[in-house]
PDB file of all heavy atoms in Angstrom:
ATOM      1  N   ARG A   1       0.858  -1.142  -0.031  1.00  0.00           N
ATOM      2  CA  ARG A   1       0.003  -0.060  -0.012  1.00  0.00           C
ATOM      3  C   ARG A   1       0.858   1.241   0.041  1.00  0.00           C
ATOM      4  O   ARG A   1       1.961   1.195   0.487  1.00  0.00           O
ATOM      5  CB  ARG A   1      -0.957   0.019   1.251  1.00  0.00           C
ATOM      6  CG  ARG A   1      -1.946  -1.053   1.198  1.00  0.00           C
ATOM      7  CD  ARG A   1      -2.742  -1.049   2.535  1.00  0.00           C
ATOM      8  NE  ARG A   1      -1.930  -1.411   3.677  1.00  0.00           N
ATOM      9  CZ  ARG A   1      -2.206  -1.269   4.819  1.00  0.00           C
ATOM     10  NH1 ARG A   1      -3.432  -0.692   5.177  1.00  0.00           N
ATOM     11  NH2 ARG A   1      -1.472  -1.548   5.871  1.00  0.00           N
ATOM     12  N   ARG A   2       0.296   2.314  -0.534  1.00  0.00           N
ATOM     13  CA  ARG A   2       1.013   3.615  -0.560  1.00  0.00           C
ATOM     14  C   ARG A   2       0.942   4.232   0.794  1.00  0.00           C
ATOM     15  O   ARG A   2      -0.005   4.076   1.580  1.00  0.00           O
ATOM     16  CB  ARG A   2       0.417   4.535  -1.615  1.00  0.00           C
ATOM     17  CG  ARG A   2       0.571   4.005  -3.054  1.00  0.00           C
ATOM     18  CD  ARG A   2      -0.260   4.903  -4.013  1.00  0.00           C
ATOM     19  NE  ARG A   2       0.244   6.292  -4.010  1.00  0.00           N
ATOM     20  CZ  ARG A   2       1.322   6.726  -4.659  1.00  0.00           C
ATOM     21  NH1 ARG A   2       1.991   5.829  -5.481  1.00  0.00           N
ATOM     22  NH2 ARG A   2       1.785   7.920  -4.600  1.00  0.00           N
ATOM     23  N   PRO A   3       2.036   5.059   1.152  1.00  0.00           N
ATOM     24  CA  PRO A   3       2.049   5.743   2.405  1.00  0.00           C
ATOM     25  C   PRO A   3       0.689   6.618   2.575  1.00  0.00           C
ATOM     26  O   PRO A   3       0.230   7.155   1.569  1.00  0.00           O
ATOM     27  CB  PRO A   3       3.277   6.631   2.333  1.00  0.00           C
ATOM     28  CG  PRO A   3       4.103   5.947   1.406  1.00  0.00           C
ATOM     29  CD  PRO A   3       3.213   5.326   0.363  1.00  0.00           C
ATOM     30  N   ALA A   4       0.217   6.709   3.700  1.00  0.00           N
ATOM     31  CA  ALA A   4      -0.932   7.594   4.031  1.00  0.00           C
ATOM     32  C   ALA A   4      -0.477   9.015   3.894  1.00  0.00           C
ATOM     33  O   ALA A   4       0.607   9.393   4.433  1.00  0.00           O
ATOM     34  CB  ALA A   4      -1.485   7.231   5.398  1.00  0.00           C
ATOM     35  N   VAL A   5      -1.305   9.892   3.251  1.00  0.00           N
ATOM     36  CA  VAL A   5      -0.901  11.227   3.105  1.00  0.00           C
ATOM     37  C   VAL A   5      -1.901  12.032   3.919  1.00  0.00           C
ATOM     38  O   VAL A   5      -3.108  11.917   3.906  1.00  0.00           O
ATOM     39  CB  VAL A   5      -0.994  11.655   1.550  1.00  0.00           C
ATOM     40  CG1 VAL A   5      -0.802  13.194   1.478  1.00  0.00           C
ATOM     41  CG2 VAL A   5      -0.108  10.968   0.732  1.00  0.00           C
ATOM     42  N   LEU A   6      -1.284  12.897   4.852  1.00  0.00           N
ATOM     43  CA  LEU A   6      -2.062  13.617   5.745  1.00  0.00           C
ATOM     44  C   LEU A   6      -2.783  14.824   5.056  1.00  0.00           C
ATOM     45  O   LEU A   6      -2.083  15.667   4.429  1.00  0.00           O
ATOM     46  CB  LEU A   6      -1.181  14.205   6.924  1.00  0.00           C
ATOM     47  CG  LEU A   6      -1.873  14.691   8.075  1.00  0.00           C
ATOM     48  CD1 LEU A   6      -2.579  13.674   8.878  1.00  0.00           C
ATOM     49  CD2 LEU A   6      -0.897  15.315   9.006  1.00  0.00           C
ATOM     50  N   SER A   7      -3.974  14.959   5.124  1.00  0.00           N
ATOM     51  CA  SER A   7      -4.773  16.078   4.510  1.00  0.00           C
ATOM     52  C   SER A   7      -5.105  17.076   5.607  1.00  0.00           C
ATOM     53  O   SER A   7      -5.006  16.783   6.901  1.00  0.00           O
ATOM     54  CB  SER A   7      -6.021  15.585   3.837  1.00  0.00           C
ATOM     55  OG  SER A   7      -6.927  15.151   4.803  1.00  0.00           O
ATOM     56  N   ALA A   8      -5.524  18.274   5.198  1.00  0.00           N
ATOM     57  CA  ALA A   8      -5.839  19.320   6.181  1.00  0.00           C
ATOM     58  C   ALA A   8      -6.894  18.802   7.120  1.00  0.00           C
ATOM     59  O   ALA A   8      -6.968  19.093   8.335  1.00  0.00           O
ATOM     60  CB  ALA A   8      -6.126  20.673   5.558  1.00  0.00           C
ATOM     61  N   ALA A   9      -7.953  18.154   6.500  1.00  0.00           N
ATOM     62  CA  ALA A   9      -9.050  17.680   7.326  1.00  0.00           C
ATOM     63  C   ALA A   9      -8.665  16.587   8.379  1.00  0.00           C
ATOM     64  O   ALA A   9      -9.303  16.499   9.384  1.00  0.00           O
ATOM     65  CB  ALA A   9     -10.149  17.084   6.407  1.00  0.00           C
ATOM     66  N   LEU A  10      -7.596  15.889   8.073  1.00  0.00           N
ATOM     67  CA  LEU A  10      -7.224  14.808   8.963  1.00  0.00           C
ATOM     68  C   LEU A  10      -6.370  15.383  10.198  1.00  0.00           C
ATOM     69  O   LEU A  10      -6.028  14.511  11.013  1.00  0.00           O
ATOM     70  CB  LEU A  10      -6.465  13.688   8.244  1.00  0.00           C
ATOM     71  CG  LEU A  10      -7.283  12.910   7.299  1.00  0.00           C
ATOM     72  CD1 LEU A  10      -6.394  11.931   6.672  1.00  0.00           C
ATOM     73  CD2 LEU A  10      -8.385  12.214   8.067  1.00  0.00           C
ATOM     74  N   PHE A  11      -6.004  16.623  10.144  1.00  0.00           N
ATOM     75  CA  PHE A  11      -5.128  17.145  11.262  1.00  0.00           C
ATOM     76  C   PHE A  11      -5.905  16.777  12.553  1.00  0.00           C
ATOM     77  O   PHE A  11      -5.195  16.576  13.581  1.00  0.00           O
ATOM     78  CB  PHE A  11      -4.952  18.599  11.111  1.00  0.00           C
ATOM     79  CG  PHE A  11      -3.566  18.983  10.652  1.00  0.00           C
ATOM     80  CD1 PHE A  11      -3.519  19.831   9.490  1.00  0.00           C
ATOM     81  CD2 PHE A  11      -2.431  18.445  11.170  1.00  0.00           C
ATOM     82  CE1 PHE A  11      -2.178  20.128   8.980  1.00  0.00           C
ATOM     83  CE2 PHE A  11      -1.216  18.803  10.717  1.00  0.00           C
ATOM     84  CZ  PHE A  11      -1.098  19.634   9.631  1.00  0.00           C
ATOM     85  N   ALA A  12      -7.165  16.969  12.587  1.00  0.00           N
ATOM     86  CA  ALA A  12      -7.917  16.913  13.871  1.00  0.00           C
ATOM     87  C   ALA A  12      -8.442  15.427  14.080  1.00  0.00           C
ATOM     88  O   ALA A  12      -9.072  15.198  15.107  1.00  0.00           O
ATOM     89  CB  ALA A  12      -9.086  17.834  13.908  1.00  0.00           C
ATOM     90  N   LEU A  13      -8.189  14.532  13.206  1.00  0.00           N
ATOM     91  CA  LEU A  13      -8.575  13.149  13.253  1.00  0.00           C
ATOM     92  C   LEU A  13      -7.391  12.202  13.550  1.00  0.00           C
ATOM     93  O   LEU A  13      -6.273  12.503  13.397  1.00  0.00           O
ATOM     94  CB  LEU A  13      -9.325  12.794  11.995  1.00  0.00           C
ATOM     95  CG  LEU A  13     -10.454  13.630  11.607  1.00  0.00           C
ATOM     96  CD1 LEU A  13     -10.990  13.297  10.215  1.00  0.00           C
ATOM     97  CD2 LEU A  13     -11.598  13.574  12.629  1.00  0.00           C
ATOM     98  N   SER A  14      -7.797  11.027  13.856  1.00  0.00           N
ATOM     99  CA  SER A  14      -6.778   9.951  13.832  1.00  0.00           C
ATOM    100  C   SER A  14      -6.003   9.713  12.574  1.00  0.00           C
ATOM    101  O   SER A  14      -6.699   9.827  11.539  1.00  0.00           O
ATOM    102  CB  SER A  14      -7.377   8.596  14.366  1.00  0.00           C
ATOM    103  OG  SER A  14      -7.994   8.710  15.631  1.00  0.00           O
ATOM    104  N   LEU A  15      -4.768   9.565  12.671  1.00  0.00           N
ATOM    105  CA  LEU A  15      -3.923   9.550  11.474  1.00  0.00           C
ATOM    106  C   LEU A  15      -3.678   8.186  11.053  1.00  0.00           C
ATOM    107  O   LEU A  15      -3.127   7.402  11.852  1.00  0.00           O
ATOM    108  CB  LEU A  15      -2.611  10.336  11.560  1.00  0.00           C
ATOM    109  CG  LEU A  15      -2.918  11.780  11.908  1.00  0.00           C
ATOM    110  CD1 LEU A  15      -1.668  12.517  12.284  1.00  0.00           C
ATOM    111  CD2 LEU A  15      -3.503  12.486  10.659  1.00  0.00           C
ATOM    112  N   ALA A  16      -3.966   7.684   9.827  1.00  0.00           N
ATOM    113  CA  ALA A  16      -3.739   6.367   9.428  1.00  0.00           C
ATOM    114  C   ALA A  16      -2.420   6.294   8.725  1.00  0.00           C
ATOM    115  O   ALA A  16      -1.915   7.140   8.155  1.00  0.00           O
ATOM    116  CB  ALA A  16      -4.804   5.946   8.323  1.00  0.00           C
ATOM    117  N   ALA A  17      -1.675   5.114   8.987  1.00  0.00           N
ATOM    118  CA  ALA A  17      -0.329   5.018   8.458  1.00  0.00           C
ATOM    119  C   ALA A  17      -0.364   3.821   7.467  1.00  0.00           C
ATOM    120  O   ALA A  17      -1.100   2.877   7.625  1.00  0.00           O
ATOM    121  CB  ALA A  17       0.704   4.730   9.462  1.00  0.00           C
ATOM    122  N   SER A  18       0.596   3.818   6.471  1.00  0.00           N
ATOM    123  CA  SER A  18       0.685   2.728   5.523  1.00  0.00           C
ATOM    124  C   SER A  18       1.748   1.776   5.938  1.00  0.00           C
ATOM    125  O   SER A  18       2.496   2.031   6.887  1.00  0.00           O
ATOM    126  CB  SER A  18       0.969   3.194   4.160  1.00  0.00           C
ATOM    127  OG  SER A  18       2.304   3.549   4.014  1.00  0.00           O
ATOM    128  N   SER A  19       1.838   0.686   5.174  1.00  0.00           N
ATOM    129  CA  SER A  19       2.961  -0.239   5.520  1.00  0.00           C
ATOM    130  C   SER A  19       4.268  -0.006   4.700  1.00  0.00           C
ATOM    131  O   SER A  19       5.160  -0.881   4.685  1.00  0.00           O
ATOM    132  CB  SER A  19       2.370  -1.673   5.169  1.00  0.00           C
ATOM    133  OG  SER A  19       2.042  -1.791   3.924  1.00  0.00           O
ATOM    134  N   ALA A  20       4.357   1.115   4.079  1.00  0.00           N
ATOM    135  CA  ALA A  20       5.616   1.516   3.325  1.00  0.00           C
ATOM    136  C   ALA A  20       6.760   1.525   4.177  1.00  0.00           C
ATOM    137  O   ALA A  20       6.739   2.142   5.244  1.00  0.00           O
ATOM    138  CB  ALA A  20       5.364   2.745   2.472  1.00  0.00           C
ATOM    139  N   PRO A  21       7.956   1.068   3.748  1.00  0.00           N
ATOM    140  CA  PRO A  21       9.121   1.164   4.532  1.00  0.00           C
ATOM    141  C   PRO A  21       9.651   2.555   4.615  1.00  0.00           C
ATOM    142  O   PRO A  21       9.450   3.319   3.650  1.00  0.00           O
ATOM    143  CB  PRO A  21      10.111   0.154   3.914  1.00  0.00           C
ATOM    144  CG  PRO A  21       9.618   0.173   2.485  1.00  0.00           C
ATOM    145  CD  PRO A  21       8.130   0.282   2.523  1.00  0.00           C
ATOM    146  N   ALA A  22      10.191   2.902   5.712  1.00  0.00           N
ATOM    147  CA  ALA A  22      10.924   4.214   5.836  1.00  0.00           C
ATOM    148  C   ALA A  22      12.065   4.243   4.894  1.00  0.00           C
ATOM    149  O   ALA A  22      12.774   3.280   4.607  1.00  0.00           O
ATOM    150  CB  ALA A  22      11.356   4.446   7.273  1.00  0.00           C
ATOM    151  N   GLN A  23      12.413   5.516   4.390  1.00  0.00           N
ATOM    152  CA  GLN A  23      13.593   5.706   3.474  1.00  0.00           C
ATOM    153  C   GLN A  23      14.837   5.873   4.368  1.00  0.00           C
ATOM    154  O   GLN A  23      14.722   6.732   5.285  1.00  0.00           O
ATOM    155  CB  GLN A  23      13.282   6.876   2.562  1.00  0.00           C
ATOM    156  CG  GLN A  23      12.238   6.509   1.499  1.00  0.00           C
ATOM    157  CD  GLN A  23      11.978   7.659   0.565  1.00  0.00           C
ATOM    158  OE1 GLN A  23      12.380   8.829   0.860  1.00  0.00           O
ATOM    159  NE2 GLN A  23      11.610   7.458  -0.651  1.00  0.00           N
ATOM    160  N   ASP A  24      15.879   5.314   4.012  1.00  0.00           N
ATOM    161  CA  ASP A  24      17.104   5.536   4.745  1.00  0.00           C
ATOM    162  C   ASP A  24      17.936   6.613   4.049  1.00  0.00           C
ATOM    163  O   ASP A  24      18.222   6.472   2.800  1.00  0.00           O
ATOM    164  CB  ASP A  24      17.925   4.215   4.926  1.00  0.00           C
ATOM    165  CG  ASP A  24      17.326   3.323   5.800  1.00  0.00           C
ATOM    166  OD1 ASP A  24      16.699   3.780   6.840  1.00  0.00           O
ATOM    167  OD2 ASP A  24      17.310   2.050   5.568  1.00  0.00           O
ATOM    168  N   ALA A  25      18.245   7.679   4.664  1.00  0.00           N
ATOM    169  CA  ALA A  25      19.018   8.776   3.915  1.00  0.00           C
ATOM    170  C   ALA A  25      20.420   8.687   4.553  1.00  0.00           C
ATOM    171  O   ALA A  25      20.690   8.134   5.548  1.00  0.00           O
ATOM    172  CB  ALA A  25      18.458  10.060   4.231  1.00  0.00           C
ATOM    173  N   ALA A  26      21.328   9.315   3.855  1.00  0.00           N
ATOM    174  CA  ALA A  26      22.703   9.596   4.333  1.00  0.00           C
ATOM    175  C   ALA A  26      22.952  10.968   4.595  1.00  0.00           C
ATOM    176  O   ALA A  26      23.502  11.701   3.802  1.00  0.00           O
ATOM    177  CB  ALA A  26      23.717   9.007   3.225  1.00  0.00           C
ATOM    178  N   PRO A  27      22.523  11.414   5.736  1.00  0.00           N
ATOM    179  CA  PRO A  27      22.596  12.885   6.051  1.00  0.00           C
ATOM    180  C   PRO A  27      24.043  13.308   6.345  1.00  0.00           C
ATOM    181  O   PRO A  27      24.823  12.449   6.687  1.00  0.00           O
ATOM    182  CB  PRO A  27      21.718  13.018   7.313  1.00  0.00           C
ATOM    183  CG  PRO A  27      21.784  11.668   7.970  1.00  0.00           C
ATOM    184  CD  PRO A  27      21.881  10.725   6.846  1.00  0.00           C
ATOM    185  N   PRO A  28      24.184  14.609   6.077  1.00  0.00           N
ATOM    186  CA  PRO A  28      25.629  15.155   6.295  1.00  0.00           C
ATOM    187  C   PRO A  28      26.105  15.204   7.760  1.00  0.00           C
ATOM    188  O   PRO A  28      27.222  15.219   8.081  1.00  0.00           O
ATOM    189  CB  PRO A  28      25.583  16.475   5.657  1.00  0.00           C
ATOM    190  CG  PRO A  28      24.158  16.936   5.742  1.00  0.00           C
ATOM    191  CD  PRO A  28      23.401  15.624   5.640  1.00  0.00           C
ATOM    192  N   LYS A  29      25.107  15.294   8.596  1.00  0.00           N
ATOM    193  CA  LYS A  29      25.439  15.447  10.049  1.00  0.00           C
ATOM    194  C   LYS A  29      24.390  14.737  10.860  1.00  0.00           C
ATOM    195  O   LYS A  29      23.232  14.670  10.459  1.00  0.00           O
ATOM    196  CB  LYS A  29      25.615  16.874  10.470  1.00  0.00           C
ATOM    197  CG  LYS A  29      26.152  17.069  11.932  1.00  0.00           C
ATOM    198  CD  LYS A  29      26.542  18.384  12.228  1.00  0.00           C
ATOM    199  CE  LYS A  29      27.025  18.580  13.595  1.00  0.00           C
ATOM    200  NZ  LYS A  29      27.481  19.940  13.965  1.00  0.00           N
ATOM    201  N   ALA A  30      24.742  14.217  11.976  1.00  0.00           N
ATOM    202  CA  ALA A  30      23.879  13.538  12.886  1.00  0.00           C
ATOM    203  C   ALA A  30      23.788  14.229  14.229  1.00  0.00           C
ATOM    204  O   ALA A  30      24.859  14.773  14.729  1.00  0.00           O
ATOM    205  CB  ALA A  30      24.177  12.043  13.079  1.00  0.00           C
ATOM    206  N   TYR A  31      22.667  14.279  14.842  1.00  0.00           N
ATOM    207  CA  TYR A  31      22.520  14.837  16.158  1.00  0.00           C
ATOM    208  C   TYR A  31      21.921  13.786  17.129  1.00  0.00           C
ATOM    209  O   TYR A  31      20.871  13.119  16.697  1.00  0.00           O
ATOM    210  CB  TYR A  31      21.586  16.058  16.192  1.00  0.00           C
ATOM    211  CG  TYR A  31      22.214  17.277  15.516  1.00  0.00           C
ATOM    212  CD1 TYR A  31      22.135  17.450  14.162  1.00  0.00           C
ATOM    213  CD2 TYR A  31      22.859  18.232  16.207  1.00  0.00           C
ATOM    214  CE1 TYR A  31      22.668  18.623  13.507  1.00  0.00           C
ATOM    215  CE2 TYR A  31      23.406  19.416  15.602  1.00  0.00           C
ATOM    216  CZ  TYR A  31      23.268  19.583  14.274  1.00  0.00           C
ATOM    217  OH  TYR A  31      23.798  20.642  13.638  1.00  0.00           O
ATOM    218  N   ARG A  32      22.435  13.635  18.246  1.00  0.00           N
ATOM    219  CA  ARG A  32      21.843  12.756  19.267  1.00  0.00           C
ATOM    220  C   ARG A  32      21.126  13.642  20.269  1.00  0.00           C
ATOM    221  O   ARG A  32      21.756  14.463  20.926  1.00  0.00           O
ATOM    222  CB  ARG A  32      22.881  11.918  19.912  1.00  0.00           C
ATOM    223  CG  ARG A  32      22.369  10.985  21.029  1.00  0.00           C
ATOM    224  CD  ARG A  32      23.408   9.903  21.388  1.00  0.00           C
ATOM    225  NE  ARG A  32      23.182   9.493  22.744  1.00  0.00           N
ATOM    226  CZ  ARG A  32      22.139   8.661  23.108  1.00  0.00           C
ATOM    227  NH1 ARG A  32      21.259   8.239  22.153  1.00  0.00           N
ATOM    228  NH2 ARG A  32      21.970   8.240  24.329  1.00  0.00           N
ATOM    229  N   VAL A  33      19.812  13.475  20.408  1.00  0.00           N
ATOM    230  CA  VAL A  33      18.961  14.338  21.215  1.00  0.00           C
ATOM    231  C   VAL A  33      18.253  13.504  22.372  1.00  0.00           C
ATOM    232  O   VAL A  33      17.588  12.527  21.974  1.00  0.00           O
ATOM    233  CB  VAL A  33      17.994  15.105  20.399  1.00  0.00           C
ATOM    234  CG1 VAL A  33      17.109  16.062  21.283  1.00  0.00           C
ATOM    235  CG2 VAL A  33      18.700  15.916  19.339  1.00  0.00           C
ATOM    236  N   MET A  34      18.372  13.917  23.563  1.00  0.00           N
ATOM    237  CA  MET A  34      17.633  13.319  24.641  1.00  0.00           C
ATOM    238  C   MET A  34      16.456  14.225  25.029  1.00  0.00           C
ATOM    239  O   MET A  34      16.712  15.439  25.169  1.00  0.00           O
ATOM    240  CB  MET A  34      18.510  13.009  25.895  1.00  0.00           C
ATOM    241  CG  MET A  34      17.711  12.555  27.028  1.00  0.00           C
ATOM    242  SD  MET A  34      18.694  12.127  28.590  1.00  0.00           S
ATOM    243  CE  MET A  34      19.555  10.674  28.073  1.00  0.00           C
TER     244      MET A  34
END
């Protein structure tokens, strides 16, 4: 299934998610945040 796309109307509703895998990027810098 395609990733769920959040519409303006859905901001106030429960948000549905798809089963699409997350994309792995190679960012230039990483931050560790607690």
